[in-house]
Amino acid sequence: MYLSRMNTLDVQKYLQSSDTILIPVGSLENHGLHMPLGTDALIPDEIARLLNEKSDILIAPTVNYGATDDLSGFPGTVSIGTEGLIHLLRAICDELYKYGFRRFLILNGHGGNTAAIQAVGIHLYRKGAYLANLNWWLMAGQLNAEWAGGHGGGEETAAIMAVDETLIKREYIDLPESFKNDLSDSLPYAAWQNVSFKGATVTVPREIKDISDNGWLVHSFKGDVPSRASKEWGKEMLSAMADYIADFEKEFAKVRLPERSFPI
């Protein structure tokens, strides 16, 4: 059930039997020329829709903006930064906490959001609540190793095909990662913002547009090219994620809430 479609009496009734709410969180960022900017929100949206068919969990409106400073520079990318996302999520969760929600499931679509989500999770824990961060793309790869993928690769491309095939620009789907050694040839690109030196990797924060003209980078997920994606794969994968979350939510509801360690 969707929070935005309920009235205040509906919410009061829901809280009589459950204190759990799911909040999809995404971002607006480049995923390569073949993918829509809203990929990281569209996929959690679809998982939530499938979950709604299997579970009575309450689903809050999706947070469509995230912390994606590293992809800033590709036109259309909009980042609110880690601090911005912390403030936004904390404000949302604090309001929901006020009404009685104590178990927050964050259905996350973007790795750059993780630091903010974890900060809000600690904040809620100290108030006597729990937050569970569900990074769908990592979990999907754990459920089935063949699904594992990186930024804009086959995994996410398949998921978007399951959402809406027309969003994929197939004329660009075969373009290579097209990364370059932007620092120097002696400090070659390794993965995302990392460079390689004498057998180890070092992180040098910078914008991805200096590394790749395309913007899809699967780094350690070798072979996760967008062209291997299919709508059938995407549908199976997103359905499996919805099933998993439905089962997880039931177990999460049984967990005893933490004691408050700080005054509200």
Protein backbone atom coordinates (compact mmCIF):
# COMPACT_ATOMS: atom_id res chain seq x y z
CA MET A 1 0.00 0.00 0.00
CA TYR A 2 1.18 3.49 -0.83
CA LEU A 3 1.40 6.24 1.75
CA SER A 4 0.55 8.90 -0.83
CA ARG A 5 -2.77 7.20 -1.60
CA MET A 6 -3.90 6.93 2.02
CA ASN A 7 -5.60 9.40 4.32
CA THR A 8 -4.61 10.06 7.91
CA LEU A 9 -7.16 7.55 9.27
CA ASP A 10 -5.67 4.85 7.04
CA VAL A 11 -2.22 5.56 8.49
CA GLN A 12 -3.52 5.39 12.05
CA LYS A 13 -5.12 2.02 11.30
CA TYR A 14 -1.91 0.71 9.70
CA LEU A 15 0.13 1.70 12.76
CA GLN A 16 -2.10 -0.40 14.98
CA SER A 17 -0.59 -3.53 13.43
CA SER A 18 2.76 -2.44 11.97
CA ASP A 19 5.52 0.10 12.57
CA THR A 20 7.39 -0.65 9.33
CA ILE A 21 7.69 1.58 6.27
CA LEU A 22 9.68 1.21 3.05
CA ILE A 23 11.28 4.27 1.45
CA PRO A 24 12.72 3.89 -2.07
CA VAL A 25 15.75 6.14 -2.60
CA GLY A 26 17.42 6.79 -5.93
CA SER A 27 19.35 9.48 -7.78
CA LEU A 28 19.30 11.48 -11.00
CA GLU A 29 22.57 10.77 -12.80
CA ASN A 30 24.25 9.62 -15.97
CA HIS A 31 24.33 5.87 -16.55
CA GLY A 32 25.86 5.87 -20.00
CA LEU A 33 24.34 7.06 -23.25
CA HIS A 34 22.07 4.02 -23.48
CA MET A 35 20.33 4.52 -20.10
CA PRO A 36 17.91 7.08 -18.57
CA LEU A 37 19.11 9.52 -15.92
CA GLY A 38 16.47 8.24 -13.51
CA THR A 39 17.71 4.64 -13.55
CA ASP A 40 18.51 4.52 -9.83
CA ALA A 41 15.00 5.65 -8.89
CA LEU A 42 13.05 3.83 -11.61
CA ILE A 43 14.36 0.42 -10.55
CA PRO A 44 13.49 0.77 -6.83
CA ASP A 45 10.10 2.11 -7.95
CA GLU A 46 9.48 -1.07 -9.93
CA ILE A 47 10.65 -3.35 -7.11
CA ALA A 48 8.30 -1.46 -4.76
CA ARG A 49 5.43 -1.93 -7.23
CA LEU A 50 6.06 -5.67 -7.35
CA LEU A 51 6.39 -5.76 -3.57
CA ASN A 52 3.04 -4.04 -3.26
CA GLU A 53 1.46 -7.05 -4.98
CA LYS A 54 3.02 -9.47 -2.47
CA SER A 55 3.02 -7.61 0.84
CA ASP A 56 1.00 -5.22 2.98
CA ILE A 57 4.05 -3.11 3.85
CA LEU A 58 3.54 0.65 3.61
CA ILE A 59 5.53 2.30 0.81
CA ALA A 60 6.52 5.96 1.07
CA PRO A 61 7.04 8.22 -1.98
CA THR A 62 10.39 7.73 -3.68
CA VAL A 63 13.27 10.09 -2.97
CA ASN A 64 14.42 10.82 -6.52
CA TYR A 65 17.60 12.78 -5.75
CA GLY A 66 20.75 11.45 -4.16
CA ALA A 67 24.45 11.94 -3.47
CA THR A 68 26.12 11.73 -6.86
CA ASP A 69 28.81 14.41 -6.86
CA ASP A 70 31.21 12.15 -8.75
CA LEU A 71 28.87 12.07 -11.78
CA SER A 72 28.24 15.79 -11.77
CA GLY A 73 29.28 17.31 -15.06
CA PHE A 74 27.21 15.00 -17.25
CA PRO A 75 24.25 17.22 -18.28
CA GLY A 76 21.08 16.29 -16.42
CA THR A 77 22.85 14.84 -13.39
CA VAL A 78 21.63 16.55 -10.20
CA SER A 79 23.36 15.85 -6.89
CA ILE A 80 22.22 17.01 -3.46
CA GLY A 81 25.42 15.62 -1.92
CA THR A 82 25.85 13.39 1.10
CA GLU A 83 25.00 16.15 3.57
CA GLY A 84 21.93 17.15 1.58
CA LEU A 85 20.67 13.56 1.51
CA ILE A 86 21.34 13.13 5.23
CA HIS A 87 19.24 16.21 6.00
CA LEU A 88 16.43 15.13 3.66
CA LEU A 89 16.23 11.51 4.82
CA ARG A 90 16.58 12.47 8.46
CA ALA A 91 13.73 14.97 8.16
CA ILE A 92 11.49 12.38 6.45
CA CYS A 93 12.27 9.65 8.96
CA ASP A 94 11.92 11.95 11.97
CA GLU A 95 8.44 12.95 10.82
CA LEU A 96 7.45 9.32 10.34
CA TYR A 97 9.00 8.41 13.70
CA LYS A 98 6.82 11.04 15.35
CA TYR A 99 3.71 9.13 14.27
CA GLY A 100 5.00 5.77 15.49
CA PHE A 101 7.11 4.24 12.73
CA ARG A 102 10.14 2.41 14.15
CA ARG A 103 11.36 0.13 11.35
CA PHE A 104 12.58 1.83 8.20
CA LEU A 105 13.46 -0.14 5.08
CA ILE A 106 15.46 1.94 2.62
CA LEU A 107 15.27 0.43 -0.88
CA ASN A 108 18.39 2.03 -2.28
CA GLY A 109 19.26 2.30 -5.96
CA HIS A 110 22.57 4.19 -5.81
CA GLY A 111 25.86 3.30 -4.13
CA GLY A 112 26.75 6.93 -3.49
CA ASN A 113 23.78 7.19 -1.13
CA THR A 114 25.15 4.61 1.30
CA ALA A 115 27.07 6.96 3.59
CA ALA A 116 24.02 9.19 4.07
CA ILE A 117 21.69 6.24 4.67
CA GLN A 118 24.02 4.76 7.27
CA ALA A 119 24.28 8.10 9.08
CA VAL A 120 20.49 8.31 9.28
CA GLY A 121 20.39 4.69 10.44
CA ILE A 122 22.62 5.49 13.42
CA HIS A 123 20.48 8.54 14.19
CA LEU A 124 17.35 6.38 14.28
CA TYR A 125 19.04 3.64 16.29
CA ARG A 126 19.84 6.14 19.01
CA LYS A 127 16.14 7.02 19.12
CA GLY A 128 15.07 3.42 19.58
CA ALA A 129 14.36 2.55 15.93
CA TYR A 130 16.03 0.47 13.22
CA LEU A 131 16.88 1.21 9.59
CA ALA A 132 17.74 -1.55 7.11
CA ASN A 133 19.52 -0.50 3.92
CA LEU A 134 18.59 -2.69 0.95
CA ASN A 135 21.09 -2.07 -1.87
CA TRP A 136 19.13 -3.91 -4.53
CA TRP A 137 21.92 -4.33 -7.12
CA LEU A 138 24.37 -5.85 -4.62
CA MET A 139 21.74 -8.12 -3.13
CA ALA A 140 20.62 -9.29 -6.57
CA GLY A 141 24.19 -10.33 -7.35
CA GLN A 142 24.33 -12.23 -4.07
CA LEU A 143 21.08 -14.05 -4.83
CA ASN A 144 22.36 -15.02 -8.27
CA ALA A 145 26.00 -14.48 -9.24
CA GLU A 146 25.04 -14.24 -12.92
CA TRP A 147 23.06 -11.08 -12.15
CA ALA A 148 25.97 -9.19 -10.56
CA GLY A 149 26.95 -5.98 -12.32
CA GLY A 150 28.24 -2.46 -12.13
CA HIS A 151 27.22 1.08 -13.02
CA GLY A 152 25.19 1.10 -16.24
CA GLY A 153 26.16 -2.45 -17.14
CA GLY A 154 24.04 -5.47 -18.00
CA GLU A 155 22.42 -5.78 -14.57
CA GLU A 156 20.97 -2.27 -14.51
CA THR A 157 20.20 -2.33 -18.23
CA ALA A 158 18.18 -5.53 -17.79
CA ALA A 159 16.32 -3.95 -14.87
CA ILE A 160 15.39 -0.89 -16.93
CA MET A 161 14.25 -3.15 -19.78
CA ALA A 162 11.86 -4.74 -17.28
CA VAL A 163 10.60 -1.29 -16.29
CA ASP A 164 10.20 0.09 -19.82
CA GLU A 165 12.16 -1.17 -22.83
CA THR A 166 11.61 2.09 -24.69
CA LEU A 167 13.88 3.90 -22.22
CA ILE A 168 16.93 2.05 -23.59
CA LYS A 169 18.75 3.82 -26.45
CA ARG A 170 19.81 0.73 -28.37
CA GLU A 171 21.93 2.69 -30.81
CA TYR A 172 24.38 3.27 -27.92
CA ILE A 173 24.14 -0.08 -26.16
CA ASP A 174 27.29 -1.51 -27.76
CA LEU A 175 29.53 1.46 -26.93
CA PRO A 176 32.57 0.51 -24.82
CA GLU A 177 33.26 1.71 -21.29
CA SER A 178 35.70 4.16 -22.84
CA PHE A 179 37.74 4.93 -19.73
CA LYS A 180 41.13 6.61 -19.86
CA ASN A 181 44.17 7.15 -17.67
CA ASP A 182 43.27 10.72 -16.80
CA LEU A 183 46.00 11.21 -14.17
CA SER A 184 48.97 9.58 -15.90
CA ASP A 185 50.00 6.34 -17.56
CA SER A 186 52.02 5.45 -14.47
CA LEU A 187 48.85 5.83 -12.33
CA PRO A 188 46.36 4.03 -14.57
CA TYR A 189 42.61 3.89 -14.02
CA ALA A 190 41.64 0.92 -11.84
CA ALA A 191 37.97 1.20 -10.86
CA TRP A 192 35.64 4.16 -10.48
CA GLN A 193 37.80 6.83 -8.75
CA ASN A 194 40.69 4.47 -8.07
CA VAL A 195 44.09 4.31 -9.72
CA SER A 196 46.59 1.46 -9.63
CA PHE A 197 50.15 1.75 -8.36
CA LYS A 198 52.64 -1.05 -7.61
CA GLY A 199 49.96 -3.70 -7.17
CA ALA A 200 47.60 -1.71 -4.94
CA THR A 201 44.81 0.76 -5.58
CA VAL A 202 44.51 4.33 -4.35
CA THR A 203 41.34 6.42 -4.38
CA VAL A 204 41.68 9.87 -5.93
CA PRO A 205 38.27 11.63 -5.76
CA ARG A 206 37.36 13.34 -9.04
CA GLU A 207 34.47 13.62 -11.44
CA ILE A 208 33.83 10.59 -13.64
CA LYS A 209 33.54 12.77 -16.74
CA ASP A 210 37.33 13.11 -16.61
CA ILE A 211 37.64 9.32 -16.76
CA SER A 212 34.90 8.32 -19.19
CA ASP A 213 33.13 10.07 -22.07
CA ASN A 214 30.26 7.58 -21.88
CA GLY A 215 29.70 7.21 -18.15
CA TRP A 216 28.93 3.53 -17.71
CA LEU A 217 31.68 1.83 -15.72
CA VAL A 218 31.37 -1.71 -14.39
CA HIS A 219 34.90 -1.71 -12.91
CA SER A 220 35.40 -5.10 -11.21
CA PHE A 221 32.39 -6.75 -12.86
CA LYS A 222 34.23 -7.82 -15.99
CA GLY A 223 31.95 -8.93 -18.80
CA ASP A 224 28.93 -7.02 -17.45
CA VAL A 225 28.36 -5.26 -20.77
CA PRO A 226 24.97 -3.60 -21.40
CA SER A 227 24.41 -5.63 -24.58
CA ARG A 228 24.07 -8.86 -22.60
CA ALA A 229 20.90 -7.57 -20.91
CA SER A 230 17.40 -8.82 -21.64
CA LYS A 231 13.89 -7.92 -20.48
CA GLU A 232 13.38 -11.50 -19.28
CA TRP A 233 16.47 -11.32 -17.07
CA GLY A 234 15.30 -8.02 -15.64
CA LYS A 235 11.81 -9.27 -14.83
CA GLU A 236 13.11 -12.40 -13.12
CA MET A 237 15.65 -10.42 -11.12
CA LEU A 238 13.28 -7.69 -9.93
CA SER A 239 10.62 -10.23 -9.02
CA ALA A 240 13.18 -12.15 -6.96
CA MET A 241 14.13 -8.92 -5.18
CA ALA A 242 10.49 -8.21 -4.32
CA ASP A 243 10.10 -11.76 -2.95
CA TYR A 244 13.25 -11.37 -0.87
CA ILE A 245 12.16 -8.04 0.63
CA ALA A 246 8.71 -9.42 1.46
CA ASP A 247 10.34 -12.26 3.40
CA PHE A 248 12.94 -10.01 5.03
CA GLU A 249 10.30 -7.57 6.24
CA LYS A 250 8.50 -10.36 8.11
CA GLU A 251 11.68 -11.29 9.98
CA PHE A 252 12.64 -7.67 10.56
CA ALA A 253 9.26 -7.06 12.21
CA LYS A 254 10.11 -9.67 14.86
CA VAL A 255 13.31 -7.94 15.96
CA ARG A 256 13.22 -6.27 19.36
CA LEU A 257 13.77 -2.54 19.03
CA PRO A 258 16.92 -1.02 20.55
CA GLU A 259 16.90 0.98 23.75
CA ARG A 260 17.15 4.72 23.30
CA SER A 261 20.71 5.87 23.92
CA PHE A 262 20.07 9.59 23.39
CA PRO A 263 17.14 11.82 24.35
CA ILE A 264 14.73 12.52 21.50
